[in-house]
N, C-alpha and C. Protein backbone atom coordinates (compact mmCIF):
# COMPACT_ATOMS: atom_id res chain seq x y z
N MET A 1 160.94 129.71 131.82
CA MET A 1 161.05 131.15 131.74
C MET A 1 161.89 131.49 130.51
N VAL A 2 161.54 132.58 129.85
CA VAL A 2 162.29 133.00 128.66
C VAL A 2 162.71 134.45 128.81
N TYR A 3 163.78 134.80 128.13
CA TYR A 3 164.31 136.16 128.17
C TYR A 3 164.58 136.63 126.74
N GLY A 4 164.60 137.93 126.56
CA GLY A 4 164.94 138.51 125.27
C GLY A 4 165.81 139.73 125.47
N ASP A 5 166.39 140.20 124.38
CA ASP A 5 167.24 141.39 124.46
C ASP A 5 166.42 142.64 124.73
N ASP A 6 165.15 142.62 124.33
CA ASP A 6 164.25 143.74 124.60
C ASP A 6 162.85 143.18 124.83
N ARG A 7 161.90 144.04 125.12
CA ARG A 7 160.55 143.60 125.44
C ARG A 7 159.91 142.82 124.29
N ALA A 8 160.06 143.33 123.07
CA ALA A 8 159.45 142.68 121.91
C ALA A 8 160.01 141.27 121.72
N SER A 9 161.29 141.11 121.88
CA SER A 9 161.92 139.80 121.74
C SER A 9 161.44 138.85 122.84
N ALA A 10 161.34 139.33 124.06
CA ALA A 10 160.86 138.51 125.16
C ALA A 10 159.42 138.07 124.94
N VAL A 11 158.58 138.99 124.47
CA VAL A 11 157.17 138.66 124.20
C VAL A 11 157.08 137.60 123.11
N ALA A 12 157.86 137.74 122.05
CA ALA A 12 157.85 136.77 120.97
C ALA A 12 158.26 135.38 121.47
N LYS A 13 159.25 135.34 122.35
CA LYS A 13 159.70 134.06 122.88
C LYS A 13 158.66 133.44 123.81
N VAL A 14 157.97 134.26 124.58
CA VAL A 14 156.91 133.76 125.45
C VAL A 14 155.77 133.19 124.61
N GLN A 15 155.41 133.87 123.54
CA GLN A 15 154.35 133.38 122.66
C GLN A 15 154.75 132.04 122.02
N ALA A 16 155.98 131.94 121.57
CA ALA A 16 156.45 130.70 120.97
C ALA A 16 156.43 129.57 122.00
N LEU A 17 156.85 129.86 123.22
CA LEU A 17 156.84 128.85 124.27
C LEU A 17 155.41 128.41 124.58
N ALA A 18 154.48 129.34 124.64
CA ALA A 18 153.08 129.00 124.90
C ALA A 18 152.54 128.08 123.82
N LEU A 19 152.86 128.35 122.57
CA LEU A 19 152.40 127.49 121.48
C LEU A 19 153.04 126.10 121.55
N ARG A 20 154.30 126.03 121.96
CA ARG A 20 154.95 124.72 122.11
C ARG A 20 154.28 123.90 123.21
N VAL A 21 153.90 124.56 124.30
CA VAL A 21 153.21 123.87 125.40
C VAL A 21 151.87 123.31 124.92
N VAL A 22 151.12 124.12 124.19
CA VAL A 22 149.83 123.67 123.67
C VAL A 22 150.04 122.50 122.71
N ALA A 23 151.02 122.61 121.82
CA ALA A 23 151.30 121.53 120.86
C ALA A 23 151.68 120.25 121.58
N GLU A 24 152.50 120.33 122.60
CA GLU A 24 152.91 119.14 123.34
C GLU A 24 151.71 118.49 124.02
N ARG A 25 150.83 119.28 124.58
CA ARG A 25 149.64 118.73 125.22
C ARG A 25 148.74 118.04 124.20
N LEU A 26 148.61 118.64 123.03
CA LEU A 26 147.80 118.03 121.97
C LEU A 26 148.41 116.70 121.52
N GLU A 27 149.72 116.68 121.36
CA GLU A 27 150.40 115.47 120.91
C GLU A 27 150.28 114.33 121.91
N HIS A 28 150.19 114.64 123.19
CA HIS A 28 150.13 113.63 124.23
C HIS A 28 148.72 113.38 124.76
N GLY A 29 147.73 113.92 124.06
CA GLY A 29 146.34 113.66 124.43
C GLY A 29 145.89 114.31 125.72
N ALA A 30 146.58 115.33 126.18
CA ALA A 30 146.23 115.99 127.43
C ALA A 30 145.38 117.23 127.22
N ALA A 31 144.90 117.43 126.01
CA ALA A 31 144.11 118.62 125.70
C ALA A 31 142.70 118.48 126.28
N ALA A 32 142.08 119.60 126.52
CA ALA A 32 140.70 119.61 127.01
C ALA A 32 139.77 119.07 125.93
N SER A 33 138.62 118.60 126.36
CA SER A 33 137.67 118.04 125.41
C SER A 33 136.90 119.11 124.64
N GLU A 34 137.03 120.36 125.05
CA GLU A 34 136.36 121.47 124.38
C GLU A 34 137.30 122.11 123.37
N PRO A 35 136.73 122.82 122.39
CA PRO A 35 137.58 123.50 121.40
C PRO A 35 138.55 124.49 122.09
N LEU A 36 139.70 124.63 121.50
CA LEU A 36 140.75 125.48 122.05
C LEU A 36 140.91 126.71 121.18
N SER A 37 140.99 127.86 121.81
CA SER A 37 141.21 129.12 121.11
C SER A 37 142.44 129.80 121.71
N VAL A 38 143.38 130.19 120.85
CA VAL A 38 144.60 130.85 121.32
C VAL A 38 144.71 132.18 120.59
N SER A 39 144.97 133.24 121.34
CA SER A 39 145.17 134.54 120.70
C SER A 39 146.20 135.34 121.49
N PHE A 40 146.90 136.20 120.80
CA PHE A 40 147.90 137.06 121.40
C PHE A 40 147.61 138.50 121.02
N LEU A 41 147.81 139.40 121.94
CA LEU A 41 147.67 140.82 121.64
C LEU A 41 148.95 141.30 121.00
N ALA A 42 148.84 142.23 120.09
CA ALA A 42 150.02 142.80 119.45
C ALA A 42 150.87 143.50 120.50
N ALA A 43 152.16 143.28 120.42
CA ALA A 43 153.08 143.87 121.40
C ALA A 43 153.39 145.30 121.05
């Protein structure tokens, strides 16, 4: 779980955490066999 001083900061931290999770899975070979697409809506 992540927190921020305001909504925008919290959203930015959640996005960064999501990307770290994806990167860790890729590094450890746990990624799906299909192409991966990641997108974020503007806060």
